[in-house]
Amino acid sequence: MKEIEQLFQKIDEVDKEIEEKINLKKKLFEEIEKEFYKKVVPEIEKQLKVKVCVDVFQDIEDPTWIGLKLIVQDEYTVVKSLEDKYTKENELLNKVYTLLDKLLSKEIVNRISVIPVVKEVIS
């Protein structure tokens, strides 16, 4: 019985270590987010004439997975159909990734999710 309790104690210790590592990873991503706002966001906004929001997110099902997403909104382009909206968002997505490829290494760009947003007018 004592062996079982010891094993459960070891599991608890490992869980605590994992939680500490996840918290450290979150803090590092928050630092990355700050640096993005200082260095990357102004460049994207200036070159593409868009608004950018940076968000650090954590997978609910796998808390060890933490990522960075850029929500990029084109405030000047307005579309009237859903098909046009998808086309413009795809174009925006490609422009953002092309610019990111110039600013950052491919390995880093591959770890960033970009969510393009184009306004749609419903008539």
Foldseek 3Di string as FASTA:
>chain_A
DVVVVVVVVVVVVVVVVLVVVLVVVVVVVVVVQVVCVVPVQVVCCVVVVWHKDKDWDADPVDRSDIAIEIETENPPDEEADPVVFVVVQVVSVVVSLVVVVVVDPPVNSVRYHYHYGYHYDYD
